[in-house]
């Protein structure tokens, strides 16, 4: 589709790059928002990127809405010729799948679920053609995920699975949202994964939980002392399944301020990934583990 622009009152322009999420749409959005920041357009006060869209807030007393729109369209033309390469990070996230806390929570809310007689993992496995929960877990943790946006709740990343579209896990959100979701739940809704940064309401299917802090407003976590939010758009996440003993050991390290995630700086090239997704993500995983 052609990029769609719409005004939000006198001080916002919403830009829809595509109707559906794709890495191509994300990179186009990323390129334009980066150009907006670098251009230092007078009057721009905030740029908010999303999965396949973004919003720009501006002061209409400094720049007229029509002039702001014209500036964005010029930057879109430039973005169409930009190389889809970014310097980013790959971050390993340990996950205790089928943990007791998310299980207790999902059982309290079965009347809000599409399949009250199943669990979230079993339901998602079945509708995606996996023979068991273990097969779904292998698929979920077997390929990296791309952080397409951070927000909605402070520090919460939305993640897009880096596999061919036909292999992407898809699962609907609950029929009605839960009023409770444990902090650091690893969830899935539609084609997106998410990690719940805080405890609260939610509607994504719950697969497990991570011991790894991703949001710390007090900035007491050693790797969050410079900034309270771990993830940023463009980060790559690799899940690593762990058992209860490893989860408890990680929690003890977190409480003792001794836990540090495994992460590496990497360069991601969209065209190379699209040529052979499996081989390319394999190279990223090798870099993560120092191979």
Protein backbone atom coordinates (compact mmCIF):
# COMPACT_ATOMS: atom_id res chain seq x y z
CA UNK A 1 0.00 0.00 0.00
CA UNK A 2 1.00 3.63 -0.40
CA UNK A 3 2.09 5.34 2.79
CA UNK A 4 -0.96 6.83 4.49
CA UNK A 5 -0.78 10.15 6.34
CA UNK A 6 -3.44 11.48 8.68
CA UNK A 7 -3.67 14.45 11.04
CA UNK A 8 -4.28 14.04 14.74
CA UNK A 9 -5.66 17.43 15.68
CA UNK A 10 -3.33 20.38 15.07
CA UNK A 11 -0.16 18.90 16.53
CA UNK A 12 0.16 15.27 15.42
CA UNK A 13 0.66 13.45 12.13
CA UNK A 14 0.17 9.69 12.08
CA UNK A 15 1.99 7.81 9.32
CA UNK A 16 0.93 4.26 8.39
CA UNK A 17 3.68 2.62 6.35
CA UNK A 18 1.76 -0.61 5.73
CA UNK A 19 -1.43 -2.33 6.85
CA UNK A 20 0.47 -5.37 8.09
CA UNK A 21 3.72 -5.82 9.94
CA UNK A 22 6.81 -6.86 7.99
CA UNK A 23 10.50 -6.20 8.41
CA UNK A 24 10.37 -4.15 5.20
CA UNK A 25 7.67 -1.91 6.70
CA UNK A 26 9.56 -1.66 9.97
CA UNK A 27 12.80 -0.62 8.27
CA UNK A 28 11.01 2.00 6.19
CA UNK A 29 9.41 3.42 9.34
CA UNK A 30 12.76 3.28 11.16
CA UNK A 31 14.52 5.06 8.30
CA UNK A 32 11.96 7.88 8.18
CA UNK A 33 11.89 8.44 11.96
CA UNK A 34 15.69 8.46 12.04
CA UNK A 35 15.68 11.05 9.27
CA UNK A 36 13.13 13.16 11.18
CA UNK A 37 15.42 13.25 14.21
CA UNK A 38 18.56 13.96 12.18
CA UNK A 39 16.86 16.69 10.13
CA UNK A 40 16.04 18.60 13.32
CA UNK A 41 12.87 20.03 11.79
CA UNK A 42 11.90 23.12 13.77
CA UNK A 43 8.80 22.51 15.86
CA UNK A 44 9.08 18.71 16.18
CA UNK A 45 8.74 17.78 19.85
CA UNK A 46 8.40 13.99 19.77
CA UNK A 47 8.73 11.03 17.39
CA UNK A 48 6.95 7.81 18.38
CA UNK A 49 7.80 4.73 16.24
CA UNK A 50 5.51 1.68 16.17
CA UNK A 51 5.43 -1.68 14.36
CA UNK A 52 4.65 -0.47 10.83
CA UNK A 53 3.79 3.14 11.56
CA UNK A 54 4.89 6.16 13.54
CA UNK A 55 3.55 9.43 14.91
CA UNK A 56 5.17 12.85 14.96
CA UNK A 57 4.19 15.51 17.47
CA UNK A 58 4.96 19.13 16.61
CA UNK A 59 4.22 22.67 17.68
CA UNK A 60 1.77 24.20 15.15
CA UNK A 61 2.87 27.68 16.25
CA UNK A 62 6.35 26.88 14.91
CA UNK A 63 5.50 24.80 11.84
CA UNK A 64 2.14 24.54 10.10
CA UNK A 65 0.57 21.06 9.80
CA UNK A 66 0.67 21.22 5.98
CA UNK A 67 4.37 22.14 6.07
CA UNK A 68 5.09 19.32 8.51
CA UNK A 69 3.34 16.90 6.18
CA UNK A 70 5.42 18.13 3.25
CA UNK A 71 8.64 17.61 5.22
CA UNK A 72 7.65 14.04 6.09
CA UNK A 73 6.85 13.21 2.48
CA UNK A 74 10.27 14.46 1.40
CA UNK A 75 11.90 12.25 4.01
CA UNK A 76 9.83 9.30 2.81
CA UNK A 77 11.28 9.74 -0.68
CA UNK A 78 14.79 9.68 0.79
CA UNK A 79 14.00 6.62 2.91
CA UNK A 80 12.95 4.66 -0.16
CA UNK A 81 16.60 4.72 -1.32
CA UNK A 82 18.19 4.10 2.09
CA UNK A 83 20.09 0.87 2.71
CA UNK A 84 18.29 -1.36 5.24
CA UNK A 85 21.26 -1.93 7.54
CA UNK A 86 21.42 -1.14 11.25
CA UNK A 87 23.95 -1.50 14.04
CA UNK A 88 22.09 -3.17 16.88
CA UNK A 89 22.34 -5.84 19.60
CA UNK A 90 21.38 -9.48 19.97
CA UNK A 91 20.25 -10.28 23.52
CA UNK A 92 19.67 -13.70 25.07
CA UNK A 93 16.55 -13.99 27.24
CA UNK A 94 16.19 -17.09 29.46
CA UNK A 95 12.61 -18.42 29.65
CA UNK A 96 11.07 -20.87 32.08
CA UNK A 97 8.30 -22.26 29.86
CA UNK A 98 5.15 -23.74 31.46
CA UNK A 99 6.08 -22.19 34.79
CA UNK A 100 3.71 -22.44 37.79
CA UNK A 101 2.95 -18.69 38.02
CA UNK A 102 1.62 -18.09 34.53
CA UNK A 103 -0.10 -21.49 34.70
CA UNK A 104 -1.95 -20.49 37.87
CA UNK A 105 -2.93 -17.20 36.25
CA UNK A 106 -4.16 -18.68 32.98
CA UNK A 107 -6.24 -21.25 34.87
CA UNK A 108 -7.99 -18.40 36.75
CA UNK A 109 -9.08 -16.85 33.46
CA UNK A 110 -10.12 -19.87 31.36
CA UNK A 111 -13.64 -18.49 30.83
CA UNK A 112 -12.05 -15.66 28.84
CA UNK A 113 -10.12 -18.01 26.57
CA UNK A 114 -10.96 -19.56 23.21
CA UNK A 115 -10.36 -23.06 24.64
CA UNK A 116 -11.26 -23.24 28.35
CA UNK A 117 -10.26 -26.90 28.52
CA UNK A 118 -6.70 -26.31 27.34
CA UNK A 119 -3.70 -24.22 28.34
CA UNK A 120 -2.32 -21.29 26.35
CA UNK A 121 0.68 -23.28 25.12
CA UNK A 122 -1.37 -26.36 24.21
CA UNK A 123 -3.97 -24.26 22.38
CA UNK A 124 -1.31 -22.35 20.43
CA UNK A 125 0.53 -25.57 19.60
CA UNK A 126 -2.65 -27.14 18.25
CA UNK A 127 -3.78 -24.27 16.04
CA UNK A 128 -0.25 -23.91 14.61
CA UNK A 129 0.02 -27.59 13.75
CA UNK A 130 2.53 -28.65 16.42
CA UNK A 131 2.12 -32.12 17.90
CA UNK A 132 3.09 -31.11 21.44
CA UNK A 133 3.93 -28.22 23.74
CA UNK A 134 7.59 -29.21 23.43
CA UNK A 135 7.49 -28.77 19.64
CA UNK A 136 5.99 -25.29 20.03
CA UNK A 137 8.64 -24.35 22.60
CA UNK A 138 11.38 -25.47 20.21
CA UNK A 139 9.85 -23.35 17.45
CA UNK A 140 9.38 -20.36 19.77
CA UNK A 141 12.95 -20.47 21.08
CA UNK A 142 14.57 -21.79 17.91
CA UNK A 143 14.79 -18.53 15.94
CA UNK A 144 15.50 -14.93 17.00
CA UNK A 145 12.84 -12.23 17.38
CA UNK A 146 13.07 -8.63 16.22
CA UNK A 147 12.03 -5.81 18.58
CA UNK A 148 9.73 -3.74 16.39
CA UNK A 149 8.61 -1.28 19.07
CA UNK A 150 8.74 -0.63 22.81
CA UNK A 151 5.80 0.84 24.65
CA UNK A 152 2.10 0.65 25.43
CA UNK A 153 3.36 -0.21 28.92
CA UNK A 154 6.73 1.21 29.96
CA UNK A 155 9.56 -1.04 28.81
CA UNK A 156 7.36 -3.64 27.09
CA UNK A 157 8.88 -4.91 23.81
CA UNK A 158 6.82 -6.14 20.86
CA UNK A 159 8.70 -8.87 19.01
CA UNK A 160 8.45 -10.18 15.45
CA UNK A 161 9.65 -13.71 14.72
CA UNK A 162 12.57 -13.81 12.29
CA UNK A 163 11.46 -16.73 10.13
CA UNK A 164 9.69 -17.11 6.81
CA UNK A 165 6.12 -15.84 7.09
CA UNK A 166 4.67 -19.36 6.64
CA UNK A 167 6.57 -20.49 9.76
CA UNK A 168 5.56 -17.61 12.03
CA UNK A 169 3.65 -18.58 15.15
CA UNK A 170 0.21 -16.99 15.26
CA UNK A 171 -2.31 -17.08 18.06
CA UNK A 172 -5.24 -14.77 18.88
CA UNK A 173 -5.45 -12.74 22.04
CA UNK A 174 -7.86 -13.83 24.77
CA UNK A 175 -11.55 -13.29 24.01
CA UNK A 176 -11.60 -10.84 26.93
CA UNK A 177 -8.45 -9.43 28.55
CA UNK A 178 -7.25 -10.78 31.88
CA UNK A 179 -7.11 -8.45 34.85
CA UNK A 180 -3.81 -10.00 35.91
CA UNK A 181 -0.58 -11.07 34.22
CA UNK A 182 2.61 -11.88 36.16
CA UNK A 183 5.55 -9.54 35.71
CA UNK A 184 8.03 -10.75 33.04
CA UNK A 185 5.52 -13.08 31.39
CA UNK A 186 6.56 -14.12 27.87
CA UNK A 187 3.38 -13.87 25.81
CA UNK A 188 2.08 -14.03 22.26
CA UNK A 189 -0.80 -12.36 20.42
CA UNK A 190 -1.45 -12.36 16.69
CA UNK A 191 1.99 -12.58 15.06
CA UNK A 192 3.69 -10.67 17.89
CA UNK A 193 5.54 -11.79 20.96
CA UNK A 194 5.83 -9.62 24.06
CA UNK A 195 7.49 -9.60 27.46
CA UNK A 196 5.29 -8.02 30.13
CA UNK A 197 7.56 -5.53 31.89
CA UNK A 198 5.20 -5.07 34.85
CA UNK A 199 2.35 -6.98 36.44
CA UNK A 200 -1.06 -5.99 35.14
CA UNK A 201 -3.88 -6.62 32.72
CA UNK A 202 -3.21 -8.39 29.44
CA UNK A 203 -4.67 -10.50 26.68
CA UNK A 204 -1.71 -12.30 25.10
CA UNK A 205 -1.34 -16.08 25.37
CA UNK A 206 1.10 -16.86 28.22
CA UNK A 207 3.96 -19.25 27.39
CA UNK A 208 6.34 -18.79 30.31
CA UNK A 209 8.28 -16.31 32.39
CA UNK A 210 11.79 -14.87 32.39
CA UNK A 211 13.85 -14.08 35.51
CA UNK A 212 15.62 -11.28 33.62
CA UNK A 213 14.62 -7.69 34.49
CA UNK A 214 13.83 -5.57 31.43
CA UNK A 215 12.48 -2.45 33.17
CA UNK A 216 13.72 -0.90 36.41
CA UNK A 217 12.48 2.64 37.21
CA UNK A 218 14.73 2.69 40.29
CA UNK A 219 17.73 1.74 38.14
CA UNK A 220 19.13 -0.64 40.74
CA UNK A 221 19.69 -3.45 38.22
CA UNK A 222 23.37 -3.21 37.17
CA UNK A 223 22.74 -3.22 33.39
CA UNK A 224 19.81 -0.77 33.70
CA UNK A 225 21.61 1.94 35.68
CA UNK A 226 22.19 4.16 32.63
CA UNK A 227 18.63 3.77 31.36
CA UNK A 228 15.67 2.09 33.02
CA UNK A 229 14.43 0.32 29.86
CA UNK A 230 16.48 -2.52 28.35
CA UNK A 231 15.02 -2.91 24.87
CA UNK A 232 14.95 -0.50 21.98
CA UNK A 233 13.53 -0.88 18.46
CA UNK A 234 15.88 -2.90 16.27
CA UNK A 235 17.19 -5.15 19.05
CA UNK A 236 17.21 -8.88 18.35
CA UNK A 237 16.09 -11.33 21.04
CA UNK A 238 17.03 -15.01 21.31
CA UNK A 239 15.06 -17.02 23.85
CA UNK A 240 16.82 -19.79 25.80
CA UNK A 241 14.65 -22.40 27.59
CA UNK A 242 15.61 -23.01 31.23
CA UNK A 243 14.27 -25.27 33.99
CA UNK A 244 13.11 -24.42 37.52
CA UNK A 245 16.59 -24.82 39.05
CA UNK A 246 18.13 -22.42 36.51
CA UNK A 247 15.25 -19.99 37.00
CA UNK A 248 15.73 -19.98 40.79
CA UNK A 249 19.49 -19.51 40.39
CA UNK A 250 18.93 -16.56 38.05
CA UNK A 251 16.45 -14.97 40.47
CA UNK A 252 19.05 -15.27 43.25
CA UNK A 253 21.61 -13.53 41.01
CA UNK A 254 19.09 -10.79 40.16
CA UNK A 255 18.39 -10.17 43.84
CA UNK A 256 22.13 -10.05 44.58
CA UNK A 257 22.66 -7.64 41.64
CA UNK A 258 24.93 -10.20 39.98
CA UNK A 259 22.81 -11.06 36.94
CA UNK A 260 23.95 -9.80 33.54
CA UNK A 261 22.31 -10.81 30.27
CA UNK A 262 24.34 -12.23 27.42
CA UNK A 263 24.34 -9.68 24.60
CA UNK A 264 26.52 -8.75 21.64
CA UNK A 265 26.72 -5.82 19.25
CA UNK A 266 25.83 -6.90 15.71
CA UNK A 267 25.12 -5.39 12.31
CA UNK A 268 21.82 -6.47 10.74
CA UNK A 269 21.30 -6.29 6.97
CA UNK A 270 17.72 -6.85 5.84
CA UNK A 271 18.53 -7.95 2.28
CA UNK A 272 21.01 -10.57 3.49
CA UNK A 273 18.46 -11.89 5.97
CA UNK A 274 15.76 -12.14 3.29
CA UNK A 275 18.09 -14.09 0.99
CA UNK A 276 18.43 -16.96 3.52
CA UNK A 277 16.73 -16.30 6.89
CA UNK A 278 17.87 -19.56 8.51
CA UNK A 279 21.53 -19.18 7.62
CA UNK A 280 21.58 -15.50 8.53
CA UNK A 281 19.99 -15.93 11.96
CA UNK A 282 22.35 -18.85 12.57
CA UNK A 283 25.28 -16.47 12.08
CA UNK A 284 23.70 -14.03 14.55
CA UNK A 285 23.39 -16.81 17.13
CA UNK A 286 27.04 -17.75 16.59
CA UNK A 287 28.01 -14.14 17.28
CA UNK A 288 25.88 -14.18 20.45
CA UNK A 289 27.82 -17.15 21.79
CA UNK A 290 31.22 -16.00 20.56
CA UNK A 291 31.60 -18.68 17.88
